PDB file of N, CA and C in Angstrom:
ATOM      1  N   MET A   1      77.122 204.658 -75.946  1.00  0.00           N
ATOM      2  CA  MET A   1      75.974 205.454 -75.556  1.00  0.00           C
ATOM      3  C   MET A   1      76.406 206.927 -75.503  1.00  0.00           C
ATOM      4  N   THR A   2      75.639 207.781 -76.135  1.00  0.00           N
ATOM      5  CA  THR A   2      75.973 209.200 -76.175  1.00  0.00           C
ATOM      6  C   THR A   2      75.330 209.944 -75.003  1.00  0.00           C
ATOM      7  N   VAL A   3      75.757 211.183 -74.808  1.00  0.00           N
ATOM      8  CA  VAL A   3      75.150 212.035 -73.782  1.00  0.00           C
ATOM      9  C   VAL A   3      73.661 212.204 -74.092  1.00  0.00           C
ATOM     10  N   GLN A   4      73.327 212.368 -75.363  1.00  0.00           N
ATOM     11  CA  GLN A   4      71.918 212.506 -75.745  1.00  0.00           C
ATOM     12  C   GLN A   4      71.136 211.238 -75.426  1.00  0.00           C
ATOM     13  N   ASP A   5      71.733 210.057 -75.655  1.00  0.00           N
ATOM     14  CA  ASP A   5      71.080 208.787 -75.311  1.00  0.00           C
ATOM     15  C   ASP A   5      70.787 208.724 -73.815  1.00  0.00           C
ATOM     16  N   LEU A   6      71.776 209.102 -73.005  1.00  0.00           N
ATOM     17  CA  LEU A   6      71.581 209.106 -71.551  1.00  0.00           C
ATOM     18  C   LEU A   6      70.497 210.096 -71.152  1.00  0.00           C
ATOM     19  N   ALA A   7      70.536 211.292 -71.739  1.00  0.00           N
ATOM     20  CA  ALA A   7      69.535 212.311 -71.433  1.00  0.00           C
ATOM     21  C   ALA A   7      68.131 211.812 -71.778  1.00  0.00           C
ATOM     22  N   ASP A   8      67.985 211.204 -72.953  1.00  0.00           N
ATOM     23  CA  ASP A   8      66.688 210.672 -73.368  1.00  0.00           C
ATOM     24  C   ASP A   8      66.197 209.602 -72.396  1.00  0.00           C
ATOM     25  N   ALA A   9      67.083 208.719 -71.969  1.00  0.00           N
ATOM     26  CA  ALA A   9      66.710 207.644 -71.048  1.00  0.00           C
ATOM     27  C   ALA A   9      66.287 208.194 -69.683  1.00  0.00           C
ATOM     28  N   LEU A  10      66.879 209.313 -69.265  1.00  0.00           N
ATOM     29  CA  LEU A  10      66.541 209.906 -67.971  1.00  0.00           C
ATOM     30  C   LEU A  10      65.399 210.911 -68.060  1.00  0.00           C
ATOM     31  N   GLY A  11      65.031 211.290 -69.276  1.00  0.00           N
ATOM     32  CA  GLY A  11      63.967 212.261 -69.449  1.00  0.00           C
ATOM     33  C   GLY A  11      64.398 213.684 -69.119  1.00  0.00           C
ATOM     34  N   VAL A  12      65.666 214.006 -69.418  1.00  0.00           N
ATOM     35  CA  VAL A  12      66.191 215.352 -69.187  1.00  0.00           C
ATOM     36  C   VAL A  12      66.803 215.876 -70.479  1.00  0.00           C
ATOM     37  N   SER A  13      67.104 217.160 -70.490  1.00  0.00           N
ATOM     38  CA  SER A  13      67.748 217.737 -71.668  1.00  0.00           C
ATOM     39  C   SER A  13      69.210 217.307 -71.735  1.00  0.00           C
ATOM     40  N   ARG A  14      69.791 217.449 -72.916  1.00  0.00           N
ATOM     41  CA  ARG A  14      71.214 217.145 -73.077  1.00  0.00           C
ATOM     42  C   ARG A  14      72.058 218.068 -72.205  1.00  0.00           C
ATOM     43  N   GLY A  15      71.625 219.324 -72.061  1.00  0.00           N
ATOM     44  CA  GLY A  15      72.331 220.278 -71.210  1.00  0.00           C
ATOM     45  C   GLY A  15      72.333 219.861 -69.752  1.00  0.00           C
ATOM     46  N   SER A  16      71.189 219.390 -69.257  1.00  0.00           N
ATOM     47  CA  SER A  16      71.129 218.913 -67.869  1.00  0.00           C
ATOM     48  C   SER A  16      72.012 217.683 -67.673  1.00  0.00           C
ATOM     49  N   MET A  17      72.009 216.799 -68.672  1.00  0.00           N
ATOM     50  CA  MET A  17      72.856 215.610 -68.581  1.00  0.00           C
ATOM     51  C   MET A  17      74.321 216.020 -68.516  1.00  0.00           C
ATOM     52  N   GLY A  18      74.714 216.987 -69.325  1.00  0.00           N
ATOM     53  CA  GLY A  18      76.079 217.495 -69.282  1.00  0.00           C
ATOM     54  C   GLY A  18      76.405 218.108 -67.926  1.00  0.00           C
ATOM     55  N   ASP A  19      75.426 218.816 -67.350  1.00  0.00           N
ATOM     56  CA  ASP A  19      75.634 219.392 -66.012  1.00  0.00           C
ATOM     57  C   ASP A  19      75.874 218.292 -64.978  1.00  0.00           C
ATOM     58  N   TYR A  20      75.133 217.198 -65.059  1.00  0.00           N
ATOM     59  CA  TYR A  20      75.350 216.075 -64.140  1.00  0.00           C
ATOM     60  C   TYR A  20      76.760 215.514 -64.316  1.00  0.00           C
ATOM     61  N   LEU A  21      77.152 215.297 -65.562  1.00  0.00           N
ATOM     62  CA  LEU A  21      78.440 214.668 -65.843  1.00  0.00           C
ATOM     63  C   LEU A  21      79.627 215.550 -65.477  1.00  0.00           C
ATOM     64  N   HIS A  22      79.443 216.868 -65.519  1.00  0.00           N
ATOM     65  CA  HIS A  22      80.531 217.795 -65.202  1.00  0.00           C
ATOM     66  C   HIS A  22      80.465 218.329 -63.778  1.00  0.00           C
ATOM     67  N   GLY A  23      79.524 217.829 -62.978  1.00  0.00           N
ATOM     68  CA  GLY A  23      79.455 218.226 -61.578  1.00  0.00           C
ATOM     69  C   GLY A  23      78.855 219.595 -61.327  1.00  0.00           C
ATOM     70  N   ARG A  24      78.133 220.143 -62.299  1.00  0.00           N
ATOM     71  CA  ARG A  24      77.493 221.439 -62.087  1.00  0.00           C
ATOM     72  C   ARG A  24      76.139 221.291 -61.414  1.00  0.00           C
ATOM     73  N   LYS A  25      75.498 220.126 -61.575  1.00  0.00           N
ATOM     74  CA  LYS A  25      74.211 219.830 -60.955  1.00  0.00           C
ATOM     75  C   LYS A  25      74.230 218.396 -60.450  1.00  0.00           C
ATOM     76  N   GLU A  26      73.367 218.139 -59.485  1.00  0.00           N
ATOM     77  CA  GLU A  26      73.234 216.802 -58.932  1.00  0.00           C
ATOM     78  C   GLU A  26      71.873 216.230 -59.350  1.00  0.00           C
ATOM     79  N   PRO A  27      71.826 215.006 -59.888  1.00  0.00           N
ATOM     80  CA  PRO A  27      70.537 214.435 -60.281  1.00  0.00           C
ATOM     81  C   PRO A  27      69.719 214.027 -59.065  1.00  0.00           C
ATOM     82  N   SER A  28      68.416 213.884 -59.265  1.00  0.00           N
ATOM     83  CA  SER A  28      67.559 213.355 -58.198  1.00  0.00           C
ATOM     84  C   SER A  28      67.982 211.917 -57.902  1.00  0.00           C
ATOM     85  N   ILE A  29      67.556 211.416 -56.777  1.00  0.00           N
ATOM     86  CA  ILE A  29      67.876 210.020 -56.410  1.00  0.00           C
ATOM     87  C   ILE A  29      67.366 209.066 -57.483  1.00  0.00           C
ATOM     88  N   THR A  30      66.154 209.292 -57.936  1.00  0.00           N
ATOM     89  CA  THR A  30      65.567 208.421 -58.959  1.00  0.00           C
ATOM     90  C   THR A  30      66.409 208.412 -60.224  1.00  0.00           C
ATOM     91  N   ARG A  31      66.824 209.605 -60.668  1.00  0.00           N
ATOM     92  CA  ARG A  31      67.637 209.680 -61.880  1.00  0.00           C
ATOM     93  C   ARG A  31      69.035 209.116 -61.654  1.00  0.00           C
ATOM     94  N   ALA A  32      69.598 209.327 -60.481  1.00  0.00           N
ATOM     95  CA  ALA A  32      70.922 208.778 -60.183  1.00  0.00           C
ATOM     96  C   ALA A  32      70.887 207.251 -60.222  1.00  0.00           C
ATOM     97  N   LEU A  33      69.841 206.669 -59.653  1.00  0.00           N
ATOM     98  CA  LEU A  33      69.708 205.204 -59.666  1.00  0.00           C
ATOM     99  C   LEU A  33      69.536 204.675 -61.088  1.00  0.00           C
ATOM    100  N   LEU A  34      68.723 205.362 -61.880  1.00  0.00           N
ATOM    101  CA  LEU A  34      68.514 204.934 -63.259  1.00  0.00           C
ATOM    102  C   LEU A  34      69.796 205.066 -64.072  1.00  0.00           C
ATOM    103  N   LEU A  35      70.512 206.166 -63.886  1.00  0.00           N
ATOM    104  CA  LEU A  35      71.765 206.359 -64.609  1.00  0.00           C
ATOM    105  C   LEU A  35      72.784 205.284 -64.239  1.00  0.00           C
ATOM    106  N   ALA A  36      72.891 204.979 -62.953  1.00  0.00           N
ATOM    107  CA  ALA A  36      73.811 203.919 -62.526  1.00  0.00           C
ATOM    108  C   ALA A  36      73.426 202.588 -63.161  1.00  0.00           C
ATOM    109  N   GLU A  37      72.141 202.326 -63.229  1.00  0.00           N
ATOM    110  CA  GLU A  37      71.664 201.083 -63.860  1.00  0.00           C
ATOM    111  C   GLU A  37      72.023 201.061 -65.349  1.00  0.00           C
ATOM    112  N   LEU A  38      71.810 202.178 -66.022  1.00  0.00           N
ATOM    113  CA  LEU A  38      72.148 202.245 -67.454  1.00  0.00           C
ATOM    114  C   LEU A  38      73.639 202.041 -67.698  1.00  0.00           C
ATOM    115  N   LEU A  39      74.457 202.574 -66.795  1.00  0.00           N
ATOM    116  CA  LEU A  39      75.912 202.463 -66.947  1.00  0.00           C
ATOM    117  C   LEU A  39      76.480 201.181 -66.344  1.00  0.00           C
ATOM    118  N   LYS A  40      75.585 200.392 -65.734  1.00  0.00           N
ATOM    119  CA  LYS A  40      75.967 199.114 -65.122  1.00  0.00           C
ATOM    120  C   LYS A  40      77.028 199.290 -64.023  1.00  0.00           C
ATOM    121  N   VAL A  41      76.799 200.283 -63.161  1.00  0.00           N
ATOM    122  CA  VAL A  41      77.652 200.523 -62.002  1.00  0.00           C
ATOM    123  C   VAL A  41      76.768 200.669 -60.776  1.00  0.00           C
ATOM    124  N   ASP A  42      77.357 200.506 -59.610  1.00  0.00           N
ATOM    125  CA  ASP A  42      76.647 200.750 -58.363  1.00  0.00           C
ATOM    126  C   ASP A  42      76.548 202.258 -58.159  1.00  0.00           C
ATOM    127  N   VAL A  43      75.400 202.731 -57.727  1.00  0.00           N
ATOM    128  CA  VAL A  43      75.204 204.165 -57.557  1.00  0.00           C
ATOM    129  C   VAL A  43      76.219 204.761 -56.579  1.00  0.00           C
ATOM    130  N   HIS A  44      76.737 203.954 -55.667  1.00  0.00           N
ATOM    131  CA  HIS A  44      77.733 204.428 -54.704  1.00  0.00           C
ATOM    132  C   HIS A  44      79.116 204.620 -55.321  1.00  0.00           C
ATOM    133  N   GLN A  45      79.307 204.121 -56.537  1.00  0.00           N
ATOM    134  CA  GLN A  45      80.589 204.283 -57.225  1.00  0.00           C
ATOM    135  C   GLN A  45      80.712 205.637 -57.919  1.00  0.00           C
ATOM    136  N   VAL A  46      79.615 206.372 -57.980  1.00  0.00           N
ATOM    137  CA  VAL A  46      79.604 207.636 -58.713  1.00  0.00           C
ATOM    138  C   VAL A  46      79.581 208.794 -57.722  1.00  0.00           C
ATOM    139  N   ASP A  47      80.443 209.774 -57.944  1.00  0.00           N
ATOM    140  CA  ASP A  47      80.497 210.964 -57.098  1.00  0.00           C
ATOM    141  C   ASP A  47      79.578 212.024 -57.685  1.00  0.00           C
ATOM    142  N   TRP A  48      78.452 212.262 -57.032  1.00  0.00           N
ATOM    143  CA  TRP A  48      77.470 213.217 -57.532  1.00  0.00           C
ATOM    144  C   TRP A  48      77.638 214.597 -56.914  1.00  0.00           C
ATOM    145  N   GLN A  49      78.672 214.826 -56.135  1.00  0.00           N
ATOM    146  CA  GLN A  49      78.867 216.103 -55.458  1.00  0.00           C
ATOM    147  C   GLN A  49      79.168 217.201 -56.464  1.00  0.00           C
ATOM    148  N   PRO A  50      78.352 218.269 -56.487  1.00  0.00           N
ATOM    149  CA  PRO A  50      78.664 219.389 -57.389  1.00  0.00           C
ATOM    150  C   PRO A  50      79.982 220.048 -56.996  1.00  0.00           C
ATOM    151  N   LYS A  51      80.706 220.546 -57.988  1.00  0.00           N
ATOM    152  CA  LYS A  51      81.956 221.254 -57.734  1.00  0.00           C
ATOM    153  C   LYS A  51      81.646 222.635 -57.172  1.00  0.00           C
ATOM    154  N   PRO A  52      82.431 223.127 -56.220  1.00  0.00           N
ATOM    155  CA  PRO A  52      82.206 224.481 -55.707  1.00  0.00           C
ATOM    156  C   PRO A  52      82.337 225.510 -56.823  1.00  0.00           C
ATOM    157  N   GLN A  53      81.509 226.549 -56.749  1.00  0.00           N
ATOM    158  CA  GLN A  53      81.519 227.600 -57.768  1.00  0.00           C
ATOM    159  C   GLN A  53      82.903 228.216 -57.921  1.00  0.00           C
ATOM    160  N   ASN A  54      83.624 228.422 -56.815  1.00  0.00           N
ATOM    161  CA  ASN A  54      84.917 229.104 -56.899  1.00  0.00           C
ATOM    162  C   ASN A  54      85.971 228.294 -57.636  1.00  0.00           C
ATOM    163  N   GLU A  55      85.743 227.007 -57.861  1.00  0.00           N
ATOM    164  CA  GLU A  55      86.680 226.211 -58.657  1.00  0.00           C
ATOM    165  C   GLU A  55      86.484 226.460 -60.148  1.00  0.00           C
ATOM    166  N   ARG A  56      85.300 226.961 -60.530  1.00  0.00           N
ATOM    167  CA  ARG A  56      84.990 227.152 -61.945  1.00  0.00           C
ATOM    168  C   ARG A  56      85.024 228.610 -62.367  1.00  0.00           C
ATOM    169  N   LEU A  57      84.815 229.514 -61.431  1.00  0.00           N
ATOM    170  CA  LEU A  57      84.701 230.925 -61.785  1.00  0.00           C
ATOM    171  C   LEU A  57      85.746 231.764 -61.074  1.00  0.00           C
ATOM    172  N   VAL A  58      86.363 232.657 -61.788  1.00  0.00           N
ATOM    173  CA  VAL A  58      87.299 233.631 -61.207  1.00  0.00           C
ATOM    174  C   VAL A  58      86.850 234.989 -61.706  1.00  0.00           C
ATOM    175  N   SER A  59      86.603 235.915 -60.780  1.00  0.00           N
ATOM    176  CA  SER A  59      86.150 237.228 -61.222  1.00  0.00           C
ATOM    177  C   SER A  59      87.282 237.943 -61.957  1.00  0.00           C
ATOM    178  N   LYS A  60      86.926 238.725 -62.955  1.00  0.00           N
ATOM    179  CA  LYS A  60      87.935 239.447 -63.741  1.00  0.00           C
ATOM    180  C   LYS A  60      88.709 240.417 -62.882  1.00  0.00           C
ATOM    181  N   SER A  61      88.037 241.067 -61.933  1.00  0.00           N
ATOM    182  CA  SER A  61      88.723 242.032 -61.097  1.00  0.00           C
ATOM    183  C   SER A  61      89.747 241.349 -60.182  1.00  0.00           C
ATOM    184  N   ALA A  62      89.408 240.168 -59.681  1.00  0.00           N
ATOM    185  CA  ALA A  62      90.346 239.442 -58.818  1.00  0.00           C
ATOM    186  C   ALA A  62      91.549 238.937 -59.622  1.00  0.00           C
ATOM    187  N   ALA A  63      91.285 238.529 -60.862  1.00  0.00           N
ATOM    188  CA  ALA A  63      92.374 237.999 -61.697  1.00  0.00           C
ATOM    189  C   ALA A  63      93.310 239.089 -62.193  1.00  0.00           C
ATOM    190  N   SER A  64      92.800 240.331 -62.333  1.00  0.00           N
ATOM    191  CA  SER A  64      93.634 241.372 -62.904  1.00  0.00           C
ATOM    192  C   SER A  64      94.178 242.363 -61.881  1.00  0.00           C
ATOM    193  N   SER A  65      93.726 242.285 -60.630  1.00  0.00           N
ATOM    194  CA  SER A  65      94.211 243.248 -59.636  1.00  0.00           C
ATOM    195  C   SER A  65      95.569 242.835 -59.110  1.00  0.00           C
ATOM    196  N   PRO A  66      96.504 243.793 -58.975  1.00  0.00           N
ATOM    197  CA  PRO A  66      97.853 243.469 -58.483  1.00  0.00           C
ATOM    198  C   PRO A  66      97.818 243.122 -57.001  1.00  0.00           C
ATOM    199  N   SER A  67      98.727 242.270 -56.578  1.00  0.00           N
ATOM    200  CA  SER A  67      98.787 241.847 -55.168  1.00  0.00           C
ATOM    201  C   SER A  67      99.683 242.728 -54.354  1.00  0.00           C
TER     202      SER A  67
END
């Protein structure tokens, strides 16, 4: 099953599906339950917690300023 297949089954864009899978967005309860059903897992087995922004982004000024 592809990301596009999952997105189509949930009625979301491929980009939104990618956001769910990479922890950038959290699906609604309804979509989380449907996705778990499609993947044949218990919804409690999946960690839907979005990753904190600071784990993904580093400002250029912070990265280049001397300590």
